[in-house]
Structures are given as structure tokens and as C-alpha cells.
Amino acid sequence: MEITNIPALSIKKTSRMLEVSPSYVSYLIAEGELDFFLLPGKKHRKVTLKSINKFIERYTYNNKKKDEE
């Protein structure tokens, strides 16, 4: 079986990247706005970098304005 490395960040690092609180990142996970996974035998959630980038694209005003032109 091949194990693929998925680029991911902890909730704390995700909160720093998005400039929000860690509790808000947990809220976004609960609401399905960010994808996460748990490593086997671990309790800490990891947020996928792909999910973070999609979130940023979805909620960036300049991207929406650019698409309208």
C-alpha cells in the first residue's frame, strides 16, 4: 500500500494563515467550510492546504470582482 503525503496544517497554523482565531477555524470545520482529517491514533485535526486555498479563493472579494469583468 502506498501512502500519499497530503499537505496539511494544524488548526493553530491554519488560524494564523487565515488571520482568525483557532475557535473560528474549528467552527469552519464544523460547518463544512474546511476539510480536515485525523491521522490514525491521533486526536489533532489537520486541515488540508487544498481546502484552505479553496476557502481563500471563495471568500476573496478581488477574485469575485475579477470574474465579473
C-alpha atoms as a PDB file:
ATOM      1  CA  MET A   1       0.000   0.000   0.000  1.00  0.00           C
ATOM      2  CA  GLU A   2       1.336   3.429  -0.957  1.00  0.00           C
ATOM      3  CA  ILE A   3       0.927   6.332   1.454  1.00  0.00           C
ATOM      4  CA  THR A   4       0.448   9.717  -0.162  1.00  0.00           C
ATOM      5  CA  ASN A   5       1.553  12.842   1.672  1.00  0.00           C
ATOM      6  CA  ILE A   6      -1.262  15.361   1.862  1.00  0.00           C
ATOM      7  CA  PRO A   7      -0.162  18.941   2.535  1.00  0.00           C
ATOM      8  CA  ALA A   8      -1.984  19.990   5.701  1.00  0.00           C
ATOM      9  CA  LEU A   9      -1.766  22.396   8.608  1.00  0.00           C
ATOM     10  CA  SER A  10      -2.777  22.242  12.245  1.00  0.00           C
ATOM     11  CA  ILE A  11      -5.756  24.301  13.390  1.00  0.00           C
ATOM     12  CA  LYS A  12      -3.403  26.793  15.034  1.00  0.00           C
ATOM     13  CA  LYS A  13      -1.318  27.274  11.874  1.00  0.00           C
ATOM     14  CA  THR A  14      -4.482  27.494   9.776  1.00  0.00           C
ATOM     15  CA  SER A  15      -5.796  30.224  12.066  1.00  0.00           C
ATOM     16  CA  ARG A  16      -2.548  32.162  11.657  1.00  0.00           C
ATOM     17  CA  MET A  17      -2.699  31.813   7.886  1.00  0.00           C
ATOM     18  CA  LEU A  18      -6.320  32.994   7.722  1.00  0.00           C
ATOM     19  CA  GLU A  19      -5.775  35.588  10.481  1.00  0.00           C
ATOM     20  CA  VAL A  20      -8.679  34.293  12.562  1.00  0.00           C
ATOM     21  CA  SER A  21      -8.939  32.558  15.930  1.00  0.00           C
ATOM     22  CA  PRO A  22      -8.431  28.788  16.284  1.00  0.00           C
ATOM     23  CA  SER A  23     -12.015  28.512  17.572  1.00  0.00           C
ATOM     24  CA  TYR A  24     -13.266  30.100  14.333  1.00  0.00           C
ATOM     25  CA  VAL A  25     -11.277  27.531  12.322  1.00  0.00           C
ATOM     26  CA  SER A  26     -12.991  24.798  14.374  1.00  0.00           C
ATOM     27  CA  TYR A  27     -16.335  26.449  13.566  1.00  0.00           C
ATOM     28  CA  LEU A  28     -15.476  26.479   9.846  1.00  0.00           C
ATOM     29  CA  ILE A  29     -14.637  22.775  10.046  1.00  0.00           C
ATOM     30  CA  ALA A  30     -17.931  22.034  11.822  1.00  0.00           C
ATOM     31  CA  GLU A  31     -19.843  23.998   9.154  1.00  0.00           C
ATOM     32  CA  GLY A  32     -18.112  22.089   6.355  1.00  0.00           C
ATOM     33  CA  GLU A  33     -16.244  25.130   5.020  1.00  0.00           C
ATOM     34  CA  LEU A  34     -12.830  23.492   5.578  1.00  0.00           C
ATOM     35  CA  ASP A  35     -11.889  19.848   5.025  1.00  0.00           C
ATOM     36  CA  PHE A  36      -9.831  18.052   7.648  1.00  0.00           C
ATOM     37  CA  PHE A  37      -8.568  14.619   8.567  1.00  0.00           C
ATOM     38  CA  LEU A  38      -7.269  12.790  11.606  1.00  0.00           C
ATOM     39  CA  LEU A  39      -4.108  10.744  11.479  1.00  0.00           C
ATOM     40  CA  PRO A  40      -4.537   7.207  12.828  1.00  0.00           C
ATOM     41  CA  GLY A  41      -4.139   7.189  16.592  1.00  0.00           C
ATOM     42  CA  LYS A  42      -4.067  10.983  16.832  1.00  0.00           C
ATOM     43  CA  LYS A  43      -6.599  13.459  18.241  1.00  0.00           C
ATOM     44  CA  HIS A  44      -5.461  16.642  16.472  1.00  0.00           C
ATOM     45  CA  ARG A  45      -7.258  17.623  13.287  1.00  0.00           C
ATOM     46  CA  LYS A  46      -5.258  18.625  10.215  1.00  0.00           C
ATOM     47  CA  VAL A  47      -6.763  20.997   7.655  1.00  0.00           C
ATOM     48  CA  THR A  48      -5.815  20.295   4.058  1.00  0.00           C
ATOM     49  CA  LEU A  49      -3.928  23.033   2.249  1.00  0.00           C
ATOM     50  CA  LYS A  50      -6.188  22.499  -0.768  1.00  0.00           C
ATOM     51  CA  SER A  51      -9.224  23.233   1.401  1.00  0.00           C
ATOM     52  CA  ILE A  52      -7.605  26.387   2.814  1.00  0.00           C
ATOM     53  CA  ASN A  53      -6.772  27.664  -0.679  1.00  0.00           C
ATOM     54  CA  LYS A  54     -10.336  26.978  -1.890  1.00  0.00           C
ATOM     55  CA  PHE A  55     -11.709  28.832   1.135  1.00  0.00           C
ATOM     56  CA  ILE A  56      -9.488  31.843   0.413  1.00  0.00           C
ATOM     57  CA  GLU A  57     -10.492  31.875  -3.263  1.00  0.00           C
ATOM     58  CA  ARG A  58     -14.194  31.551  -2.410  1.00  0.00           C
ATOM     59  CA  TYR A  59     -14.190  34.447   0.047  1.00  0.00           C
ATOM     60  CA  THR A  60     -11.748  36.873  -1.578  1.00  0.00           C
ATOM     61  CA  TYR A  61     -13.543  39.952  -2.883  1.00  0.00           C
ATOM     62  CA  ASN A  62     -10.976  40.764  -5.570  1.00  0.00           C
ATOM     63  CA  ASN A  63     -11.380  37.327  -7.180  1.00  0.00           C
ATOM     64  CA  LYS A  64     -15.147  37.793  -7.445  1.00  0.00           C
ATOM     65  CA  LYS A  65     -14.758  41.249  -8.931  1.00  0.00           C
ATOM     66  CA  LYS A  66     -12.196  39.923 -11.419  1.00  0.00           C
ATOM     67  CA  ASP A  67     -14.597  37.162 -12.545  1.00  0.00           C
ATOM     68  CA  GLU A  68     -17.364  39.709 -13.182  1.00  0.00           C
ATOM     69  CA  GLU A  69     -15.280  41.719 -15.668  1.00  0.00           C
END
